[in-house]
């Protein structure tokens, strides 16, 4: 009976069985490794962008642009941020756009995810472009099916 239940549950979501969890300490090394192998497209959905985190990620993003990787960042419009964070967010967005990275704004944005080559999906609570001191979690799933499901769910192709 238990084996039938296990077999039935794995039949429904085999992609998740190979997923891996990361925290705020282990996420960035894994994410940067995946970015180094990115071949065609990177989508980052993140509400906040800070100068500090951008200084860490911008060299890798620039390297991807030099390799002709399409990069789309969906974030909250800095006008929605408090005055203290707004200026840094505008400057960070400007530096991204200067590198040829497409930045789009979504009002009330709060999702945290990344999709690499529409085959690797990161999703969780970590603000990829701003994380600093908080305790967070991200799940990495290597699955074309689940990555495309997320692309459709967030409707990113309809706004591009």
C-alpha atoms as a PDB file:
ATOM      1  CA  UNK A   1       0.000   0.000   0.000  1.00  0.00           C
ATOM      2  CA  UNK A   2       2.746   2.492   0.954  1.00  0.00           C
ATOM      3  CA  UNK A   3       4.682   1.706  -2.236  1.00  0.00           C
ATOM      4  CA  UNK A   4       1.569   2.369  -4.339  1.00  0.00           C
ATOM      5  CA  UNK A   5       1.093   5.731  -2.632  1.00  0.00           C
ATOM      6  CA  UNK A   6       4.761   6.642  -3.140  1.00  0.00           C
ATOM      7  CA  UNK A   7       4.688   5.528  -6.780  1.00  0.00           C
ATOM      8  CA  UNK A   8       1.493   7.502  -7.392  1.00  0.00           C
ATOM      9  CA  UNK A   9       2.928  10.712  -5.850  1.00  0.00           C
ATOM     10  CA  UNK A  10       6.166  10.473  -7.848  1.00  0.00           C
ATOM     11  CA  UNK A  11       4.210   9.946 -11.047  1.00  0.00           C
ATOM     12  CA  UNK A  12       2.550  13.332 -10.532  1.00  0.00           C
ATOM     13  CA  UNK A  13       5.619  15.454  -9.815  1.00  0.00           C
ATOM     14  CA  UNK A  14       8.881  13.713 -10.704  1.00  0.00           C
ATOM     15  CA  UNK A  15      10.532  17.083 -11.431  1.00  0.00           C
ATOM     16  CA  UNK A  16      10.195  18.185  -7.822  1.00  0.00           C
ATOM     17  CA  UNK A  17      11.924  15.068  -6.518  1.00  0.00           C
ATOM     18  CA  UNK A  18      15.142  16.341  -8.064  1.00  0.00           C
ATOM     19  CA  UNK A  19      14.742  19.867  -6.711  1.00  0.00           C
ATOM     20  CA  UNK A  20      17.158  21.350  -4.218  1.00  0.00           C
ATOM     21  CA  UNK A  21      16.678  23.870  -1.425  1.00  0.00           C
ATOM     22  CA  UNK A  22      19.015  26.784  -0.726  1.00  0.00           C
ATOM     23  CA  UNK A  23      19.189  29.418   1.964  1.00  0.00           C
ATOM     24  CA  UNK A  24      20.601  32.926   1.839  1.00  0.00           C
ATOM     25  CA  UNK A  25      24.157  31.571   2.254  1.00  0.00           C
ATOM     26  CA  UNK A  26      24.049  28.774  -0.318  1.00  0.00           C
ATOM     27  CA  UNK A  27      21.809  30.362  -2.951  1.00  0.00           C
ATOM     28  CA  UNK A  28      24.189  32.774  -4.671  1.00  0.00           C
ATOM     29  CA  UNK A  29      27.023  30.284  -5.386  1.00  0.00           C
ATOM     30  CA  UNK A  30      24.517  27.881  -6.984  1.00  0.00           C
ATOM     31  CA  UNK A  31      22.734  30.672  -8.855  1.00  0.00           C
ATOM     32  CA  UNK A  32      25.982  32.131 -10.216  1.00  0.00           C
ATOM     33  CA  UNK A  33      27.059  28.674 -11.378  1.00  0.00           C
ATOM     34  CA  UNK A  34      23.775  28.339 -13.280  1.00  0.00           C
ATOM     35  CA  UNK A  35      24.183  31.843 -14.707  1.00  0.00           C
ATOM     36  CA  UNK A  36      27.655  30.950 -15.967  1.00  0.00           C
ATOM     37  CA  UNK A  37      26.028  28.124 -17.933  1.00  0.00           C
ATOM     38  CA  UNK A  38      23.088  30.207 -19.157  1.00  0.00           C
ATOM     39  CA  UNK A  39      22.933  30.073 -22.943  1.00  0.00           C
ATOM     40  CA  UNK A  40      19.961  32.058 -24.177  1.00  0.00           C
ATOM     41  CA  UNK A  41      17.678  33.702 -21.614  1.00  0.00           C
ATOM     42  CA  UNK A  42      17.471  34.822 -18.001  1.00  0.00           C
ATOM     43  CA  UNK A  43      14.267  36.046 -16.388  1.00  0.00           C
ATOM     44  CA  UNK A  44      14.431  37.476 -12.875  1.00  0.00           C
ATOM     45  CA  UNK A  45      11.223  38.396 -11.076  1.00  0.00           C
ATOM     46  CA  UNK A  46      12.150  40.362  -7.960  1.00  0.00           C
ATOM     47  CA  UNK A  47      10.435  43.304  -6.254  1.00  0.00           C
ATOM     48  CA  UNK A  48      13.494  45.067  -4.859  1.00  0.00           C
ATOM     49  CA  UNK A  49      16.851  46.056  -6.343  1.00  0.00           C
ATOM     50  CA  UNK A  50      19.720  47.463  -4.275  1.00  0.00           C
ATOM     51  CA  UNK A  51      23.042  48.951  -5.260  1.00  0.00           C
ATOM     52  CA  UNK A  52      24.915  46.579  -2.933  1.00  0.00           C
ATOM     53  CA  UNK A  53      23.484  43.408  -4.511  1.00  0.00           C
ATOM     54  CA  UNK A  54      23.773  44.816  -8.028  1.00  0.00           C
ATOM     55  CA  UNK A  55      27.497  45.390  -7.513  1.00  0.00           C
ATOM     56  CA  UNK A  56      27.804  41.651  -6.880  1.00  0.00           C
ATOM     57  CA  UNK A  57      25.636  40.521  -9.802  1.00  0.00           C
ATOM     58  CA  UNK A  58      26.300  43.119 -12.500  1.00  0.00           C
ATOM     59  CA  UNK A  59      29.620  41.617 -13.714  1.00  0.00           C
ATOM     60  CA  UNK A  60      27.917  38.275 -14.329  1.00  0.00           C
ATOM     61  CA  UNK A  61      24.926  39.925 -15.992  1.00  0.00           C
ATOM     62  CA  UNK A  62      27.273  41.930 -18.210  1.00  0.00           C
ATOM     63  CA  UNK A  63      29.119  38.730 -19.188  1.00  0.00           C
ATOM     64  CA  UNK A  64      25.770  37.187 -20.157  1.00  0.00           C
ATOM     65  CA  UNK A  65      24.894  40.216 -22.296  1.00  0.00           C
ATOM     66  CA  UNK A  66      28.279  39.916 -24.041  1.00  0.00           C
ATOM     67  CA  UNK A  67      27.304  36.325 -24.873  1.00  0.00           C
ATOM     68  CA  UNK A  68      24.026  37.652 -26.348  1.00  0.00           C
ATOM     69  CA  UNK A  69      21.847  36.215 -23.566  1.00  0.00           C
ATOM     70  CA  UNK A  70      18.460  37.897 -23.345  1.00  0.00           C
ATOM     71  CA  UNK A  71      17.918  39.235 -19.816  1.00  0.00           C
ATOM     72  CA  UNK A  72      14.538  40.379 -18.552  1.00  0.00           C
ATOM     73  CA  UNK A  73      14.072  41.775 -15.064  1.00  0.00           C
ATOM     74  CA  UNK A  74      10.573  42.307 -13.739  1.00  0.00           C
ATOM     75  CA  UNK A  75      10.488  44.461 -10.634  1.00  0.00           C
ATOM     76  CA  UNK A  76       8.472  46.956  -8.671  1.00  0.00           C
ATOM     77  CA  UNK A  77       8.530  50.517  -9.998  1.00  0.00           C
ATOM     78  CA  UNK A  78      10.922  52.448  -7.712  1.00  0.00           C
ATOM     79  CA  UNK A  79       8.224  55.101  -7.296  1.00  0.00           C
ATOM     80  CA  UNK A  80       6.428  52.540  -5.091  1.00  0.00           C
ATOM     81  CA  UNK A  81       9.398  52.361  -2.709  1.00  0.00           C
ATOM     82  CA  UNK A  82      10.036  54.515   0.310  1.00  0.00           C
ATOM     83  CA  UNK A  83      12.253  57.531  -0.257  1.00  0.00           C
ATOM     84  CA  UNK A  84      15.281  55.838   1.320  1.00  0.00           C
ATOM     85  CA  UNK A  85      15.279  52.948  -1.203  1.00  0.00           C
ATOM     86  CA  UNK A  86      13.967  54.792  -4.249  1.00  0.00           C
ATOM     87  CA  UNK A  87      17.149  56.548  -5.409  1.00  0.00           C
ATOM     88  CA  UNK A  88      19.263  53.380  -5.182  1.00  0.00           C
ATOM     89  CA  UNK A  89      16.645  51.415  -7.093  1.00  0.00           C
ATOM     90  CA  UNK A  90      16.514  54.033  -9.877  1.00  0.00           C
ATOM     91  CA  UNK A  91      20.309  54.003 -10.130  1.00  0.00           C
ATOM     92  CA  UNK A  92      20.415  50.211 -10.220  1.00  0.00           C
ATOM     93  CA  UNK A  93      17.735  50.064 -12.917  1.00  0.00           C
ATOM     94  CA  UNK A  94      19.672  52.644 -14.948  1.00  0.00           C
ATOM     95  CA  UNK A  95      22.849  50.566 -14.698  1.00  0.00           C
ATOM     96  CA  UNK A  96      20.950  47.474 -15.864  1.00  0.00           C
ATOM     97  CA  UNK A  97      19.409  49.314 -18.790  1.00  0.00           C
ATOM     98  CA  UNK A  98      22.800  50.788 -19.688  1.00  0.00           C
ATOM     99  CA  UNK A  99      24.052  47.184 -20.096  1.00  0.00           C
ATOM    100  CA  UNK A 100      21.154  46.406 -22.444  1.00  0.00           C
ATOM    101  CA  UNK A 101      19.096  44.531 -19.872  1.00  0.00           C
ATOM    102  CA  UNK A 102      15.347  44.850 -20.286  1.00  0.00           C
ATOM    103  CA  UNK A 103      13.618  46.061 -17.111  1.00  0.00           C
ATOM    104  CA  UNK A 104       9.861  46.003 -16.792  1.00  0.00           C
ATOM    105  CA  UNK A 105       7.749  47.218 -13.898  1.00  0.00           C
ATOM    106  CA  UNK A 106       4.804  45.464 -12.296  1.00  0.00           C
ATOM    107  CA  UNK A 107       2.685  47.436  -9.851  1.00  0.00           C
ATOM    108  CA  UNK A 108       2.471  45.813  -6.419  1.00  0.00           C
ATOM    109  CA  UNK A 109       5.131  43.271  -7.396  1.00  0.00           C
ATOM    110  CA  UNK A 110       6.273  40.788  -4.747  1.00  0.00           C
ATOM    111  CA  UNK A 111       7.254  37.531  -6.543  1.00  0.00           C
ATOM    112  CA  UNK A 112      10.766  36.138  -6.145  1.00  0.00           C
ATOM    113  CA  UNK A 113      11.903  33.791  -8.880  1.00  0.00           C
ATOM    114  CA  UNK A 114      14.340  33.254 -11.704  1.00  0.00           C
ATOM    115  CA  UNK A 115      14.025  31.208 -14.878  1.00  0.00           C
ATOM    116  CA  UNK A 116      17.198  30.237 -16.712  1.00  0.00           C
ATOM    117  CA  UNK A 117      16.946  29.098 -20.333  1.00  0.00           C
ATOM    118  CA  UNK A 118      13.342  28.124 -19.597  1.00  0.00           C
ATOM    119  CA  UNK A 119      14.667  24.936 -18.048  1.00  0.00           C
ATOM    120  CA  UNK A 120      15.802  25.888 -14.523  1.00  0.00           C
ATOM    121  CA  UNK A 121      13.392  27.476 -12.078  1.00  0.00           C
ATOM    122  CA  UNK A 122      14.311  29.133  -8.797  1.00  0.00           C
ATOM    123  CA  UNK A 123      11.410  30.152  -6.578  1.00  0.00           C
ATOM    124  CA  UNK A 124      11.077  31.084  -2.944  1.00  0.00           C
ATOM    125  CA  UNK A 125      11.309  34.039  -0.581  1.00  0.00           C
ATOM    126  CA  UNK A 126      14.754  35.444  -1.438  1.00  0.00           C
ATOM    127  CA  UNK A 127      14.878  38.809  -3.228  1.00  0.00           C
ATOM    128  CA  UNK A 128      17.564  37.913  -5.771  1.00  0.00           C
ATOM    129  CA  UNK A 129      18.514  41.504  -6.598  1.00  0.00           C
ATOM    130  CA  UNK A 130      18.488  42.891  -3.068  1.00  0.00           C
ATOM    131  CA  UNK A 131      18.938  40.173  -0.433  1.00  0.00           C
ATOM    132  CA  UNK A 132      21.159  41.312   2.417  1.00  0.00           C
ATOM    133  CA  UNK A 133      20.667  40.043   5.977  1.00  0.00           C
ATOM    134  CA  UNK A 134      17.370  38.182   6.130  1.00  0.00           C
ATOM    135  CA  UNK A 135      16.842  34.442   6.448  1.00  0.00           C
ATOM    136  CA  UNK A 136      15.433  33.104   3.177  1.00  0.00           C
ATOM    137  CA  UNK A 137      14.716  30.008   1.118  1.00  0.00           C
ATOM    138  CA  UNK A 138      14.886  29.235  -2.602  1.00  0.00           C
ATOM    139  CA  UNK A 139      14.055  25.999  -4.411  1.00  0.00           C
ATOM    140  CA  UNK A 140      15.937  25.099  -7.598  1.00  0.00           C
ATOM    141  CA  UNK A 141      14.095  22.806  -9.968  1.00  0.00           C
ATOM    142  CA  UNK A 142      15.564  21.650 -13.250  1.00  0.00           C
ATOM    143  CA  UNK A 143      12.488  21.089 -15.390  1.00  0.00           C
ATOM    144  CA  UNK A 144      11.514  22.458 -18.782  1.00  0.00           C
ATOM    145  CA  UNK A 145       7.890  21.638 -17.996  1.00  0.00           C
ATOM    146  CA  UNK A 146       7.816  23.547 -14.683  1.00  0.00           C
ATOM    147  CA  UNK A 147       9.861  26.468 -16.030  1.00  0.00           C
ATOM    148  CA  UNK A 148       7.437  26.901 -18.934  1.00  0.00           C
ATOM    149  CA  UNK A 149       4.504  26.543 -16.552  1.00  0.00           C
ATOM    150  CA  UNK A 150       5.892  29.476 -14.553  1.00  0.00           C
ATOM    151  CA  UNK A 151       6.538  31.528 -17.712  1.00  0.00           C
ATOM    152  CA  UNK A 152       2.902  31.078 -18.654  1.00  0.00           C
ATOM    153  CA  UNK A 153       1.673  31.701 -15.107  1.00  0.00           C
ATOM    154  CA  UNK A 154       3.487  35.035 -14.711  1.00  0.00           C
ATOM    155  CA  UNK A 155       2.564  35.920 -18.314  1.00  0.00           C
ATOM    156  CA  UNK A 156       6.024  37.332 -19.005  1.00  0.00           C
ATOM    157  CA  UNK A 157       5.734  36.745 -22.748  1.00  0.00           C
ATOM    158  CA  UNK A 158       2.613  38.918 -22.949  1.00  0.00           C
ATOM    159  CA  UNK A 159       4.421  42.018 -21.651  1.00  0.00           C
ATOM    160  CA  UNK A 160       7.534  41.728 -23.814  1.00  0.00           C
END
